[in-house]
C-alpha atoms as a PDB file:
ATOM      1  CA  MET A   1    -126.140  27.419 -40.885  1.00  0.00           C
ATOM      2  CA  ASN A   2    -128.133  24.446 -39.418  1.00  0.00           C
ATOM      3  CA  GLY A   3    -130.956  24.741 -36.904  1.00  0.00           C
ATOM      4  CA  ALA A   4    -128.974  24.217 -33.701  1.00  0.00           C
ATOM      5  CA  LEU A   5    -126.264  26.906 -34.677  1.00  0.00           C
ATOM      6  CA  SER A   6    -129.039  29.235 -35.991  1.00  0.00           C
ATOM      7  CA  TRP A   7    -130.948  28.951 -32.721  1.00  0.00           C
ATOM      8  CA  LEU A   8    -127.772  29.457 -30.749  1.00  0.00           C
ATOM      9  CA  ALA A   9    -126.578  32.503 -32.887  1.00  0.00           C
ATOM     10  CA  GLY A  10    -130.049  33.975 -31.816  1.00  0.00           C
ATOM     11  CA  ILE A  11    -129.375  33.926 -28.058  1.00  0.00           C
ATOM     12  CA  ASP A  12    -128.455  37.110 -26.306  1.00  0.00           C
ATOM     13  CA  PRO A  13    -125.262  36.520 -24.452  1.00  0.00           C
ATOM     14  CA  SER A  14    -125.502  39.459 -22.043  1.00  0.00           C
ATOM     15  CA  PRO A  15    -127.331  37.690 -19.284  1.00  0.00           C
ATOM     16  CA  LEU A  16    -124.746  34.918 -19.264  1.00  0.00           C
ATOM     17  CA  PHE A  17    -121.960  37.447 -18.537  1.00  0.00           C
ATOM     18  CA  VAL A  18    -123.938  38.658 -15.696  1.00  0.00           C
ATOM     19  CA  VAL A  19    -124.755  35.224 -14.318  1.00  0.00           C
ATOM     20  CA  SER A  20    -121.043  34.165 -14.823  1.00  0.00           C
ATOM     21  CA  LEU A  21    -120.133  36.774 -12.244  1.00  0.00           C
ATOM     22  CA  VAL A  22    -121.531  34.640  -9.326  1.00  0.00           C
ATOM     23  CA  PRO A  23    -119.177  31.634  -9.583  1.00  0.00           C
ATOM     24  CA  TYR A  24    -116.311  33.957 -10.272  1.00  0.00           C
ATOM     25  CA  LEU A  25    -117.182  36.000  -7.056  1.00  0.00           C
ATOM     26  CA  ALA A  26    -117.487  32.604  -5.234  1.00  0.00           C
ATOM     27  CA  PHE A  27    -113.925  31.481  -6.579  1.00  0.00           C
ATOM     28  CA  LEU A  28    -112.488  34.937  -5.259  1.00  0.00           C
ATOM     29  CA  TRP A  29    -114.172  34.354  -1.830  1.00  0.00           C
ATOM     30  CA  TRP A  30    -112.790  30.885  -1.620  1.00  0.00           C
ATOM     31  CA  ALA A  31    -109.366  31.894  -2.821  1.00  0.00           C
ATOM     32  CA  SER A  32    -109.193  34.806  -0.077  1.00  0.00           C
ATOM     33  CA  LYS A  33    -109.934  32.008   2.418  1.00  0.00           C
ATOM     34  CA  VAL A  34    -107.368  29.467   1.348  1.00  0.00           C
ATOM     35  CA  GLU A  35    -104.263  29.896   3.492  1.00  0.00           C
ATOM     36  CA  GLY A  36    -101.775  28.582   0.703  1.00  0.00           C
ATOM     37  CA  PHE A  37    -103.407  30.542  -2.133  1.00  0.00           C
ATOM     38  CA  PRO A  38    -100.575  33.096  -3.588  1.00  0.00           C
ATOM     39  CA  LYS A  39    -101.846  36.761  -2.577  1.00  0.00           C
ATOM     40  CA  LEU A  40    -100.318  37.943  -5.768  1.00  0.00           C
ATOM     41  CA  ALA A  41    -102.114  35.591  -7.915  1.00  0.00           C
ATOM     42  CA  LEU A  42    -105.297  36.485  -5.888  1.00  0.00           C
ATOM     43  CA  ARG A  43    -104.714  40.308  -6.751  1.00  0.00           C
ATOM     44  CA  GLY A  44    -104.310  39.211 -10.454  1.00  0.00           C
ATOM     45  CA  PHE A  45    -107.652  37.333 -10.341  1.00  0.00           C
ATOM     46  CA  GLN A  46    -109.253  40.365  -8.514  1.00  0.00           C
ATOM     47  CA  GLY A  47    -107.734  42.829 -11.436  1.00  0.00           C
ATOM     48  CA  THR A  48    -109.686  40.645 -13.908  1.00  0.00           C
ATOM     49  CA  LEU A  49    -112.799  42.101 -12.441  1.00  0.00           C
ATOM     50  CA  VAL A  50    -111.160  45.641 -12.822  1.00  0.00           C
ATOM     51  CA  PHE A  51    -110.495  44.869 -16.408  1.00  0.00           C
ATOM     52  CA  VAL A  52    -114.271  43.782 -17.003  1.00  0.00           C
ATOM     53  CA  ALA A  53    -115.352  47.008 -15.505  1.00  0.00           C
ATOM     54  CA  VAL A  54    -112.949  49.121 -17.397  1.00  0.00           C
ATOM     55  CA  THR A  55    -113.858  47.309 -20.631  1.00  0.00           C
ATOM     56  CA  ILE A  56    -117.624  48.301 -20.166  1.00  0.00           C
ATOM     57  CA  VAL A  57    -116.901  51.812 -19.419  1.00  0.00           C
ATOM     58  CA  ALA A  58    -114.547  51.940 -22.592  1.00  0.00           C
ATOM     59  CA  ALA A  59    -117.206  50.258 -24.712  1.00  0.00           C
ATOM     60  CA  ILE A  60    -119.755  52.842 -23.606  1.00  0.00           C
ATOM     61  CA  VAL A  61    -117.429  55.741 -24.341  1.00  0.00           C
ATOM     62  CA  ALA A  62    -116.196  54.210 -27.728  1.00  0.00           C
ATOM     63  CA  GLN A  63    -119.925  53.885 -28.754  1.00  0.00           C
ATOM     64  CA  LEU A  64    -121.005  57.441 -27.428  1.00  0.00           C
ATOM     65  CA  ARG A  65    -117.936  59.357 -28.446  1.00  0.00           C
ATOM     66  CA  PHE A  66    -116.635  57.803 -31.612  1.00  0.00           C
ATOM     67  CA  GLY A  67    -119.949  55.915 -32.698  1.00  0.00           C
ATOM     68  CA  GLU A  68    -117.721  52.632 -32.988  1.00  0.00           C
ATOM     69  CA  LEU A  69    -117.200  49.307 -31.272  1.00  0.00           C
ATOM     70  CA  LEU A  70    -114.398  49.202 -28.631  1.00  0.00           C
ATOM     71  CA  ALA A  71    -112.427  47.018 -30.836  1.00  0.00           C
ATOM     72  CA  ASN A  72    -112.320  49.782 -33.631  1.00  0.00           C
ATOM     73  CA  VAL A  73    -111.161  52.375 -31.070  1.00  0.00           C
ATOM     74  CA  ASP A  74    -107.275  51.287 -30.725  1.00  0.00           C
ATOM     75  CA  ALA A  75    -106.514  53.853 -27.564  1.00  0.00           C
ATOM     76  CA  LEU A  76    -109.317  52.571 -25.646  1.00  0.00           C
ATOM     77  CA  HIS A  77    -109.143  48.969 -26.562  1.00  0.00           C
ATOM     78  CA  GLY A  78    -105.361  48.799 -25.964  1.00  0.00           C
ATOM     79  CA  GLY A  79    -105.815  50.469 -22.609  1.00  0.00           C
ATOM     80  CA  ALA A  80    -108.539  48.053 -21.551  1.00  0.00           C
ATOM     81  CA  GLU A  81    -106.468  45.011 -22.814  1.00  0.00           C
ATOM     82  CA  SER A  82    -103.520  46.224 -20.934  1.00  0.00           C
ATOM     83  CA  LEU A  83    -105.326  45.789 -17.645  1.00  0.00           C
ATOM     84  CA  LEU A  84    -106.035  41.992 -18.603  1.00  0.00           C
ATOM     85  CA  THR A  85    -102.227  41.730 -19.514  1.00  0.00           C
ATOM     86  CA  LEU A  86    -101.284  42.959 -15.942  1.00  0.00           C
ATOM     87  CA  SER A  87    -103.875  40.812 -14.257  1.00  0.00           C
ATOM     88  CA  ASN A  88    -102.694  37.794 -16.038  1.00  0.00           C
ATOM     89  CA  LEU A  89     -98.993  38.655 -15.334  1.00  0.00           C
ATOM     90  CA  LEU A  90     -99.974  39.013 -11.540  1.00  0.00           C
ATOM     91  CA  VAL A  91    -101.540  35.502 -11.677  1.00  0.00           C
ATOM     92  CA  VAL A  92     -98.543  33.917 -13.356  1.00  0.00           C
ATOM     93  CA  LEU A  93     -95.871  35.563 -10.946  1.00  0.00           C
ATOM     94  CA  GLY A  94     -98.106  34.721  -8.038  1.00  0.00           C
ATOM     95  CA  PHE A  95     -98.287  31.120  -8.903  1.00  0.00           C
ATOM     96  CA  GLY A  96     -94.834  31.116  -9.763  1.00  0.00           C
ATOM     97  CA  GLY A  97     -93.862  31.909  -6.265  1.00  0.00           C
ATOM     98  CA  VAL A  98     -92.587  35.478  -6.955  1.00  0.00           C
ATOM     99  CA  GLY A  99     -94.837  37.284  -4.304  1.00  0.00           C
ATOM    100  CA  ALA A 100     -93.928  34.679  -1.664  1.00  0.00           C
ATOM    101  CA  ALA A 101     -90.084  35.078  -2.590  1.00  0.00           C
ATOM    102  CA  LEU A 102     -90.367  39.046  -2.240  1.00  0.00           C
ATOM    103  CA  THR A 103     -92.213  38.734   1.114  1.00  0.00           C
ATOM    104  CA  SER A 104     -90.104  35.945   2.661  1.00  0.00           C
ATOM    105  CA  PRO A 105     -88.731  36.849   6.204  1.00  0.00           C
ATOM    106  CA  ASP A 106     -85.305  35.095   5.195  1.00  0.00           C
ATOM    107  CA  ARG A 107     -85.016  37.127   2.051  1.00  0.00           C
ATOM    108  CA  LYS A 108     -81.707  38.926   2.022  1.00  0.00           C
ATOM    109  CA  ARG A 109     -81.894  42.599   1.652  1.00  0.00           C
END
């Protein structure tokens, strides 16, 4: 590896993850204030935070219970990743207008 890549490889990324929460929380706050922002998509973006929290807990359980990385414990890893899939689905459906169509007052019942 050249000098710059070696230097980057030595950086602990943990503080960057914590710092990245600040703009993400600001985005969630902004999105909740924007009248036209799809509520279902907002729930999907909020679900991403749930995914992060569950992934952290699952990684701790994988390490303490199985002595492995989360990626090596399929049940825990798959469960955590399914939350990300669900969050992404809510975002896509929300921006696709599904949430608005379901809650529209002129929707036939």
